[in-house]
Structure formats: structure tokens, C-alpha cells
Amino acid sequence: MTNLYGKREFGKLELKNPFVLPPMVAFGFAGESGNVSQRNIDHYDEITKNGAGLVVVEATCINPDGRLSPDQLAIWDDSYIEGLGKLADTIHKNGAVAIIQLHHAGLNAKADVTDYPVTSSDFERKGRFSKGMTEEQIKSTIAEFASSAERAQKAGFDGIEIHGAHGYLLTQFFSKKVNKRTDEYGGSFDNRNLIAKKIHDKVREKTRKGFIVGIRMGCNDDNIEESIERAKEFEKIGYDYLHVSTGFDNTQIEVEAPADFPCNWIVYGGTLIKEKVGIPVIGINKILKKEQIDYLLQNELLDLVAIGRAQLADHDYIEHLVGEGDIVTCIECRPCKWFTDGTKCPRHI
């Protein structure tokens, strides 16, 4: 077995360790312009020093009407390349591989972003109506993902991650709970995956050979069996890695984790997917303790372990984990105070 905390191959690149800083939106840092601020740069500089081998920059929007929030990072035109390049440079300076997550919220775009959210099919939730996309709108969105990937490459990132989880646009195509289309993007399993295939293929056309193209996906769209098949399909399509989380909603998978499994069902779903694919699988969700991490790595249940809130609570978490010093443990506030204002995290006060 490889050194537990040692280097890992990642495509044609090498990671200094098997840990991932996952994409976590720093609300309020960018402002309504969507431009990278000095606060963004300082945040990534501090959290990546002596940190994770792979850094996935937070959900960055490909279209102004597809934002989760007005203060989200943007990548929908070339004016954002310079600022994003500063993030990539900062991450590289600190010895990590730099990926950026490309995002469209679909029906989850907030009312202060757009009055007309789009999704796979007409859908109403809590009195808000979202319109099913026309085929022309889908084609335009695919092109926006590809153009955004090209900008990410120009900014100096090593690759991109397509956001296909957490209830956002792609999950609204994957899941039969939303997708009622009768054209080539709806109905069958293959049709519901088609948007992810076309995005992948168009991104490859726009980017250099060796540029990493990963995807975040759920283990529960619409169940674990289908998600495993979707993961296998993503591997066949050509995605370089899978970042497994939860899908359109938080419906728990039907398979029970073993009694001694130290993490939750989302992490367990990621381990089930890893068993069936040959590309790297990143697992995530409430992995906070050294004992959890060691269990996952020692048993080779995941290729890479994403540590989210634990790194927000302790920006030196990885250094403390593999070296000396005490970990400042996340106390799991409900809701997480960091996501409203990072200065209010009780572990930093």
C-alpha cells in the first residue's frame, strides 16, 4: 500500500498528498461584480499553505442568471480571467494542483438573481416556478460551460470540475424527480445523462490535452444503483475523476453502511462507486476526524479524501493531521456560521 498521507498520481499530475480542499462558496467575498477580491486571494492563500494536494475553487458561475447567490464568483466572460488567475497562482505557489468548479444553479437560482429560473422541465417548488429549457437554451448552456473551461485554462488552472450535484442544474436533468422531458434530454437513463456528455465533449474541444475535466455527482440520483451506472458512464465518456456527494436532494441511499463504517451514507455511497470505476474517486461529507480519514485511506475505500468544514475551522488542519500541532476541531454549528460570514466562525474568534 502507498504511504497513507503520501503523494498520489492525478492524471498526468502528482498530488503532494491524498487530501482535497473541496469547493465551498465564500459568500460575500466577491461582491455582486463576481470578481475575485483580495479577500478571496487571502482566504485561498491562508487555507492552502501546507494544505491539501488538490484544491477545487468554489462554485464559479458560467451565466449571470444561473447564480446561486449575487455574490458568487463569476467566469462568464473574459474580464474575469485576470482575477481568477491570481487564485490559480496563489494555489500553485502553495504547492497544490488547482481546479475550479463550474456551476449553474438552474431552478435553485435565487430570486435576487433572476425572476425566470430555468431547469430541465417545468417545475414548481414553494410557489416559485422554473421553466423547462428549450433545446436552444441547453445548447447555449453547454457552450457556456465549454467557454468557461477555456477561460479557466487561460487563467492557469490545471482543470475544471463540472458541478453535477447538490440540486443544481445537471442534477435536474439526471433526476426523474424533475426531468419529464420527451426529447433527447429526457426519459431514458442515457438521455438524462446526455447534457453531461455534451458538456464534456465540448470542453475537450476547447481545452488542451491533459487538462483535467472532472465532475461532481450524487450517489443518490435517483438511487445508488443508478448512480453507480452513471459513474461508470462518466468514466466511459472520458471524465478524469468523480467527486461524489449528494444529488438532487438528500434522499438517503437504500444500502446500509456496515456497523463499523465511521462516516455517513454520503461517504459510503462514494466508496460503493469507487468499487465499480477505474478513475479517481473523491469522497466527501462531514469527514472531520483523523480516525475517519485513516479508515478510508488504510482500507483504500477512496482515492482522495475531501475535508471541507474541518479546514475552514482550522486552516492548518492538514499540517496538524500529518505533522505536529493540535487540530482545531469544527464544532458543527447549525447552520455553519462560516458560510454567512467567515469572521464569525467560533473557531477563529
Protein backbone atom coordinates (compact mmCIF):
# COMPACT_ATOMS: atom_id res chain seq x y z
CA MET A 1 0.00 0.00 0.00
CA THR A 2 1.18 3.55 -0.70
CA ASN A 3 2.27 5.88 2.08
CA LEU A 4 -1.00 6.76 3.82
CA TYR A 5 -0.52 10.51 3.55
CA GLY A 6 1.97 10.44 0.69
CA LYS A 7 1.95 11.52 -2.93
CA ARG A 8 -0.76 10.43 -5.37
CA GLU A 9 -0.98 10.37 -9.15
CA PHE A 10 -3.77 12.51 -10.57
CA GLY A 11 -3.96 12.22 -14.33
CA LYS A 12 -0.54 13.30 -15.55
CA LEU A 13 -0.07 15.40 -12.43
CA GLU A 14 1.16 14.48 -8.99
CA LEU A 15 -0.51 15.48 -5.74
CA LYS A 16 1.64 16.00 -2.67
CA ASN A 17 -0.95 14.21 -0.52
CA PRO A 18 -4.38 12.50 -0.87
CA PHE A 19 -6.36 15.41 0.57
CA VAL A 20 -8.73 17.77 -1.21
CA LEU A 21 -9.94 21.24 -0.31
CA PRO A 22 -13.45 20.95 -1.76
CA PRO A 23 -15.36 23.82 -3.36
CA MET A 24 -17.00 25.90 -0.62
CA VAL A 25 -18.50 29.24 -1.62
CA ALA A 26 -17.17 32.15 0.42
CA PHE A 27 -20.36 34.21 0.37
CA GLY A 28 -19.76 37.95 0.50
CA PHE A 29 -16.11 37.78 -0.52
CA ALA A 30 -16.54 38.50 -4.23
CA GLY A 31 -19.34 41.07 -4.10
CA GLU A 32 -22.02 41.49 -6.74
CA SER A 33 -19.48 42.01 -9.53
CA GLY A 34 -18.39 38.39 -9.27
CA ASN A 35 -14.76 39.48 -9.45
CA VAL A 36 -12.05 37.90 -7.34
CA SER A 37 -11.38 40.16 -4.35
CA GLN A 38 -8.28 40.48 -2.21
CA ARG A 39 -10.29 38.72 0.48
CA ASN A 40 -10.72 35.71 -1.85
CA ILE A 41 -7.00 35.64 -2.56
CA ASP A 42 -6.06 35.92 1.11
CA HIS A 43 -8.51 33.14 2.01
CA TYR A 44 -7.07 30.67 -0.50
CA ASP A 45 -3.53 31.67 0.41
CA GLU A 46 -4.08 31.01 4.11
CA ILE A 47 -6.01 27.75 3.74
CA THR A 48 -3.69 26.19 1.12
CA LYS A 49 -0.34 26.82 2.84
CA ASN A 50 0.94 23.40 3.89
CA GLY A 51 -2.50 22.14 2.96
CA ALA A 52 -4.33 19.82 0.58
CA GLY A 53 -2.68 18.45 -2.54
CA LEU A 54 -5.76 19.22 -4.64
CA VAL A 55 -7.71 22.47 -4.33
CA VAL A 56 -11.08 22.88 -6.02
CA VAL A 57 -12.05 26.54 -6.09
CA GLU A 58 -15.62 27.20 -5.08
CA ALA A 59 -18.62 27.07 -7.44
CA THR A 60 -17.97 29.72 -10.09
CA CYS A 61 -20.88 30.67 -12.29
CA ILE A 62 -21.00 30.34 -16.07
CA ASN A 63 -24.07 32.54 -16.53
CA PRO A 64 -25.34 35.54 -14.51
CA ASP A 65 -28.86 34.07 -14.38
CA GLY A 66 -27.52 30.76 -13.10
CA ARG A 67 -26.02 32.09 -9.87
CA LEU A 68 -26.85 30.59 -6.53
CA SER A 69 -26.23 33.99 -4.99
CA PRO A 70 -25.48 37.52 -6.27
CA ASP A 71 -22.09 37.46 -4.54
CA GLN A 72 -20.77 34.32 -6.25
CA LEU A 73 -17.53 34.19 -8.23
CA ALA A 74 -18.08 34.52 -11.99
CA ILE A 75 -16.42 33.20 -15.13
CA TRP A 76 -18.95 34.04 -17.83
CA ASP A 77 -16.75 36.48 -19.74
CA ASP A 78 -13.07 37.19 -20.31
CA SER A 79 -12.96 40.10 -17.84
CA TYR A 80 -12.78 37.55 -15.01
CA ILE A 81 -9.66 35.76 -16.26
CA GLU A 82 -7.14 38.08 -14.64
CA GLY A 83 -8.64 37.82 -11.17
CA LEU A 84 -9.13 34.08 -11.36
CA GLY A 85 -5.53 33.80 -12.50
CA LYS A 86 -4.47 35.29 -9.17
CA LEU A 87 -6.30 32.48 -7.37
CA ALA A 88 -4.65 29.84 -9.55
CA ASP A 89 -1.23 31.43 -8.95
CA THR A 90 -1.81 31.53 -5.20
CA ILE A 91 -2.77 27.85 -5.07
CA HIS A 92 0.20 26.81 -7.22
CA LYS A 93 2.57 28.90 -5.10
CA ASN A 94 1.48 26.83 -2.12
CA GLY A 95 2.25 23.55 -3.89
CA ALA A 96 -1.23 22.33 -4.82
CA VAL A 97 -2.96 21.38 -8.05
CA ALA A 98 -5.62 23.98 -8.88
CA ILE A 99 -9.06 23.02 -10.20
CA ILE A 100 -12.06 25.36 -10.48
CA GLN A 101 -15.67 24.21 -10.23
CA LEU A 102 -18.03 25.43 -12.96
CA HIS A 103 -21.59 25.96 -11.80
CA HIS A 104 -25.15 26.70 -12.90
CA ALA A 105 -27.86 26.65 -10.23
CA GLY A 106 -30.82 26.01 -12.53
CA LEU A 107 -34.05 26.16 -10.52
CA ASN A 108 -32.02 26.99 -7.39
CA ALA A 109 -31.04 30.43 -8.70
CA LYS A 110 -32.29 32.88 -6.11
CA ALA A 111 -35.00 35.49 -6.69
CA ASP A 112 -32.48 38.32 -6.34
CA VAL A 113 -30.54 36.77 -9.24
CA THR A 114 -33.35 36.14 -11.74
CA ASP A 115 -37.14 36.19 -11.98
CA TYR A 116 -37.01 33.39 -14.55
CA PRO A 117 -35.01 30.37 -13.34
CA VAL A 118 -34.58 27.52 -15.80
CA THR A 119 -34.41 23.77 -15.32
CA SER A 120 -34.89 20.53 -17.24
CA SER A 121 -38.70 20.62 -17.17
CA ASP A 122 -41.37 22.98 -15.89
CA PHE A 123 -41.18 22.72 -12.11
CA GLU A 124 -42.79 24.46 -9.16
CA ARG A 125 -41.40 24.45 -5.64
CA LYS A 126 -42.57 26.55 -2.72
CA GLY A 127 -44.59 28.78 -5.01
CA ARG A 128 -41.68 29.56 -7.34
CA PHE A 129 -41.96 28.41 -10.93
CA SER A 130 -38.99 27.35 -13.07
CA LYS A 131 -39.28 26.94 -16.82
CA GLY A 132 -38.06 23.92 -18.73
CA MET A 133 -35.19 24.86 -21.03
CA THR A 134 -35.62 24.88 -24.78
CA GLU A 135 -33.17 22.81 -26.81
CA GLU A 136 -31.53 26.06 -27.91
CA GLN A 137 -31.07 27.12 -24.28
CA ILE A 138 -29.49 23.76 -23.47
CA LYS A 139 -27.14 24.12 -26.42
CA SER A 140 -26.17 27.62 -25.23
CA THR A 141 -25.57 26.39 -21.69
CA ILE A 142 -23.31 23.59 -22.94
CA ALA A 143 -21.34 26.19 -24.88
CA GLU A 144 -21.11 28.39 -21.76
CA PHE A 145 -19.59 25.55 -19.75
CA ALA A 146 -17.04 25.00 -22.52
CA SER A 147 -16.15 28.69 -22.89
CA SER A 148 -15.79 28.96 -19.11
CA ALA A 149 -13.44 25.96 -19.11
CA GLU A 150 -11.35 27.69 -21.78
CA ARG A 151 -11.17 30.79 -19.56
CA ALA A 152 -10.13 28.63 -16.61
CA GLN A 153 -7.30 27.25 -18.71
CA LYS A 154 -6.23 30.76 -19.71
CA ALA A 155 -6.29 31.74 -16.03
CA GLY A 156 -3.77 28.99 -15.31
CA PHE A 157 -5.93 26.32 -13.69
CA ASP A 158 -4.93 22.69 -14.15
CA GLY A 159 -8.52 21.66 -14.83
CA ILE A 160 -12.18 22.13 -14.10
CA GLU A 161 -14.89 20.32 -12.20
CA ILE A 162 -18.44 20.33 -13.60
CA HIS A 163 -20.97 20.72 -10.78
CA GLY A 164 -23.43 17.86 -11.23
CA ALA A 165 -24.59 17.56 -7.61
CA HIS A 166 -26.35 19.36 -4.73
CA GLY A 167 -29.61 20.01 -6.57
CA TYR A 168 -28.10 22.25 -9.24
CA LEU A 169 -28.80 22.25 -12.97
CA LEU A 170 -27.24 18.97 -14.06
CA THR A 171 -28.94 17.03 -11.26
CA GLN A 172 -32.20 18.46 -12.54
CA PHE A 173 -31.52 16.57 -15.76
CA PHE A 174 -30.22 13.39 -14.08
CA SER A 175 -33.14 13.04 -11.68
CA LYS A 176 -36.54 11.77 -12.78
CA LYS A 177 -37.99 13.83 -9.92
CA VAL A 178 -37.58 16.91 -12.13
CA ASN A 179 -36.79 15.73 -15.64
CA LYS A 180 -40.03 14.96 -17.51
CA ARG A 181 -38.70 15.84 -20.97
CA THR A 182 -39.70 13.81 -24.00
CA ASP A 183 -36.83 14.85 -26.28
CA GLU A 184 -33.23 13.54 -26.38
CA TYR A 185 -32.51 15.03 -22.93
CA GLY A 186 -35.25 13.18 -21.06
CA GLY A 187 -36.81 9.80 -20.44
CA SER A 188 -34.14 7.12 -20.64
CA PHE A 189 -31.06 6.89 -18.45
CA ASP A 190 -28.79 7.75 -21.37
CA ASN A 191 -30.91 10.73 -22.36
CA ARG A 192 -30.88 12.18 -18.85
CA ASN A 193 -27.07 11.94 -18.85
CA LEU A 194 -26.68 13.47 -22.30
CA ILE A 195 -26.10 17.04 -21.12
CA ALA A 196 -23.08 15.86 -19.09
CA LYS A 197 -21.69 14.04 -22.13
CA LYS A 198 -22.10 17.04 -24.40
CA ILE A 199 -20.53 19.37 -21.84
CA HIS A 200 -17.55 17.03 -21.50
CA ASP A 201 -17.06 16.71 -25.23
CA LYS A 202 -17.34 20.46 -25.86
CA VAL A 203 -14.92 21.24 -23.00
CA ARG A 204 -12.39 18.82 -24.53
CA GLU A 205 -12.67 20.69 -27.84
CA LYS A 206 -11.85 23.98 -26.12
CA THR A 207 -9.00 22.86 -23.86
CA ARG A 208 -5.53 21.37 -24.24
CA LYS A 209 -4.65 17.72 -23.97
CA GLY A 210 -4.01 16.83 -20.34
CA PHE A 211 -6.35 19.50 -18.98
CA ILE A 212 -8.28 17.79 -16.17
CA VAL A 213 -12.06 17.50 -16.55
CA GLY A 214 -13.85 16.09 -13.51
CA ILE A 215 -17.44 16.04 -12.38
CA ARG A 216 -19.18 16.28 -9.04
CA MET A 217 -22.11 13.89 -8.82
CA GLY A 218 -24.55 12.48 -6.30
CA CYS A 219 -24.67 8.92 -5.06
CA ASN A 220 -28.48 9.11 -4.87
CA ASP A 221 -29.79 10.25 -8.32
CA ASP A 222 -32.27 8.56 -8.23
CA ASN A 223 -30.75 5.74 -6.18
CA ILE A 224 -27.34 4.19 -5.56
CA GLU A 225 -27.72 1.59 -8.32
CA GLU A 226 -28.42 4.24 -10.95
CA SER A 227 -25.66 6.45 -9.58
CA ILE A 228 -23.15 3.62 -9.92
CA GLU A 229 -24.21 3.17 -13.54
CA ARG A 230 -23.94 6.92 -14.08
CA ALA A 231 -20.43 6.91 -12.63
CA LYS A 232 -19.43 4.11 -14.99
CA GLU A 233 -20.91 6.09 -17.87
CA PHE A 234 -18.97 9.21 -16.86
CA GLU A 235 -15.78 7.14 -16.91
CA LYS A 236 -16.65 5.86 -20.37
CA ILE A 237 -17.40 9.39 -21.59
CA GLY A 238 -13.90 10.43 -20.54
CA TYR A 239 -14.21 12.33 -17.28
CA ASP A 240 -10.93 12.22 -15.38
CA TYR A 241 -12.32 11.91 -11.86
CA LEU A 242 -15.55 11.74 -9.85
CA HIS A 243 -16.28 13.85 -6.79
CA VAL A 244 -19.15 12.03 -5.09
CA SER A 245 -21.62 13.83 -2.85
CA THR A 246 -25.41 14.06 -2.77
CA GLY A 247 -27.61 14.69 -5.80
CA PHE A 248 -30.89 16.50 -6.48
CA ASP A 249 -31.96 16.13 -2.86
CA ASN A 250 -30.83 14.41 0.31
CA THR A 251 -32.83 11.21 -0.06
CA GLN A 252 -30.68 8.62 1.68
CA ILE A 253 -29.46 5.64 -0.32
CA GLU A 254 -31.15 2.34 0.41
CA VAL A 255 -27.95 0.46 1.24
CA GLU A 256 -26.91 0.46 4.88
CA ALA A 257 -23.26 1.08 5.70
CA PRO A 258 -21.51 -1.58 7.81
CA ALA A 259 -21.75 -1.05 11.55
CA ASP A 260 -18.04 -0.20 11.81
CA PHE A 261 -18.07 2.33 8.94
CA PRO A 262 -17.08 5.64 10.61
CA CYS A 263 -18.70 8.08 8.16
CA ASN A 264 -22.19 8.84 6.89
CA TRP A 265 -24.20 7.41 3.99
CA ILE A 266 -22.93 10.00 1.50
CA VAL A 267 -19.33 8.96 2.07
CA TYR A 268 -20.39 5.32 1.96
CA GLY A 269 -22.08 5.95 -1.39
CA GLY A 270 -18.77 7.28 -2.69
CA THR A 271 -16.99 4.10 -1.60
CA LEU A 272 -19.57 1.95 -3.42
CA ILE A 273 -18.98 3.96 -6.59
CA LYS A 274 -15.19 3.62 -6.25
CA GLU A 275 -15.57 -0.17 -6.29
CA LYS A 276 -17.02 -0.01 -9.82
CA VAL A 277 -14.83 2.54 -11.65
CA GLY A 278 -11.18 2.88 -12.55
CA ILE A 279 -10.82 6.65 -12.36
CA PRO A 280 -10.06 8.52 -9.11
CA VAL A 281 -12.98 8.99 -6.72
CA ILE A 282 -13.09 11.78 -4.16
CA GLY A 283 -15.33 11.23 -1.13
CA ILE A 284 -16.82 14.00 0.97
CA ASN A 285 -19.29 14.96 3.68
CA LYS A 286 -18.62 15.58 7.36
CA ILE A 287 -15.22 13.92 7.32
CA LEU A 288 -13.81 15.73 10.34
CA LYS A 289 -11.67 13.32 12.35
CA LYS A 290 -8.30 11.68 11.83
CA GLU A 291 -9.84 8.29 12.63
CA GLN A 292 -12.30 8.66 9.75
CA ILE A 293 -9.60 9.71 7.30
CA ASP A 294 -7.25 6.90 8.30
CA TYR A 295 -10.02 4.30 7.99
CA LEU A 296 -10.89 5.43 4.46
CA LEU A 297 -7.27 5.53 3.30
CA GLN A 298 -5.99 2.42 5.07
CA ASN A 299 -8.82 0.35 3.57
CA GLU A 300 -8.39 2.02 0.15
CA LEU A 301 -12.09 2.89 0.10
CA LEU A 302 -11.46 6.22 -1.65
CA ASP A 303 -8.66 7.59 -3.78
CA LEU A 304 -8.79 11.09 -2.30
CA VAL A 305 -10.49 12.47 0.80
CA ALA A 306 -12.14 15.89 0.71
CA ILE A 307 -12.05 17.74 4.01
CA GLY A 308 -14.34 20.76 3.98
CA ARG A 309 -15.58 22.37 7.17
CA ALA A 310 -12.68 20.92 9.14
CA GLN A 311 -10.31 23.03 7.03
CA LEU A 312 -12.50 26.09 7.44
CA ALA A 313 -12.34 25.68 11.22
CA ASP A 314 -8.60 25.01 11.16
CA HIS A 315 -6.78 26.45 8.15
CA ASP A 316 -3.73 24.40 9.20
CA TYR A 317 -5.74 21.17 9.51
CA ILE A 318 -3.61 19.16 7.05
CA GLU A 319 -0.37 20.30 8.65
CA HIS A 320 -1.73 19.33 12.07
CA LEU A 321 -3.02 15.99 10.73
CA VAL A 322 0.21 14.80 9.14
CA GLY A 323 2.69 16.63 11.34
CA GLU A 324 2.67 18.40 14.65
CA GLY A 325 0.17 20.59 16.41
CA ASP A 326 -3.34 20.11 17.69
CA ILE A 327 -6.27 20.12 15.29
CA VAL A 328 -8.79 22.88 15.95
CA THR A 329 -11.94 20.78 15.66
CA CYS A 330 -15.02 22.01 13.82
CA ILE A 331 -17.92 22.12 16.29
CA GLU A 332 -20.54 21.73 13.51
CA CYS A 333 -22.65 24.85 14.08
CA ARG A 334 -26.18 24.67 12.66
CA PRO A 335 -26.17 26.49 10.33
CA CYS A 336 -22.46 26.82 9.65
CA LYS A 337 -21.53 30.40 10.60
CA TRP A 338 -18.61 30.37 8.16
CA PHE A 339 -20.97 30.30 5.19
CA THR A 340 -22.66 33.54 6.23
CA ASP A 341 -19.53 35.34 7.39
CA GLY A 342 -16.18 33.62 7.77
CA THR A 343 -15.16 36.04 10.50
CA LYS A 344 -17.95 34.68 12.73
CA CYS A 345 -16.70 31.09 12.81
CA PRO A 346 -16.28 30.46 16.57
CA ARG A 347 -13.02 28.59 15.89
CA HIS A 348 -11.47 31.84 14.58
CA ILE A 349 -12.81 34.29 17.14
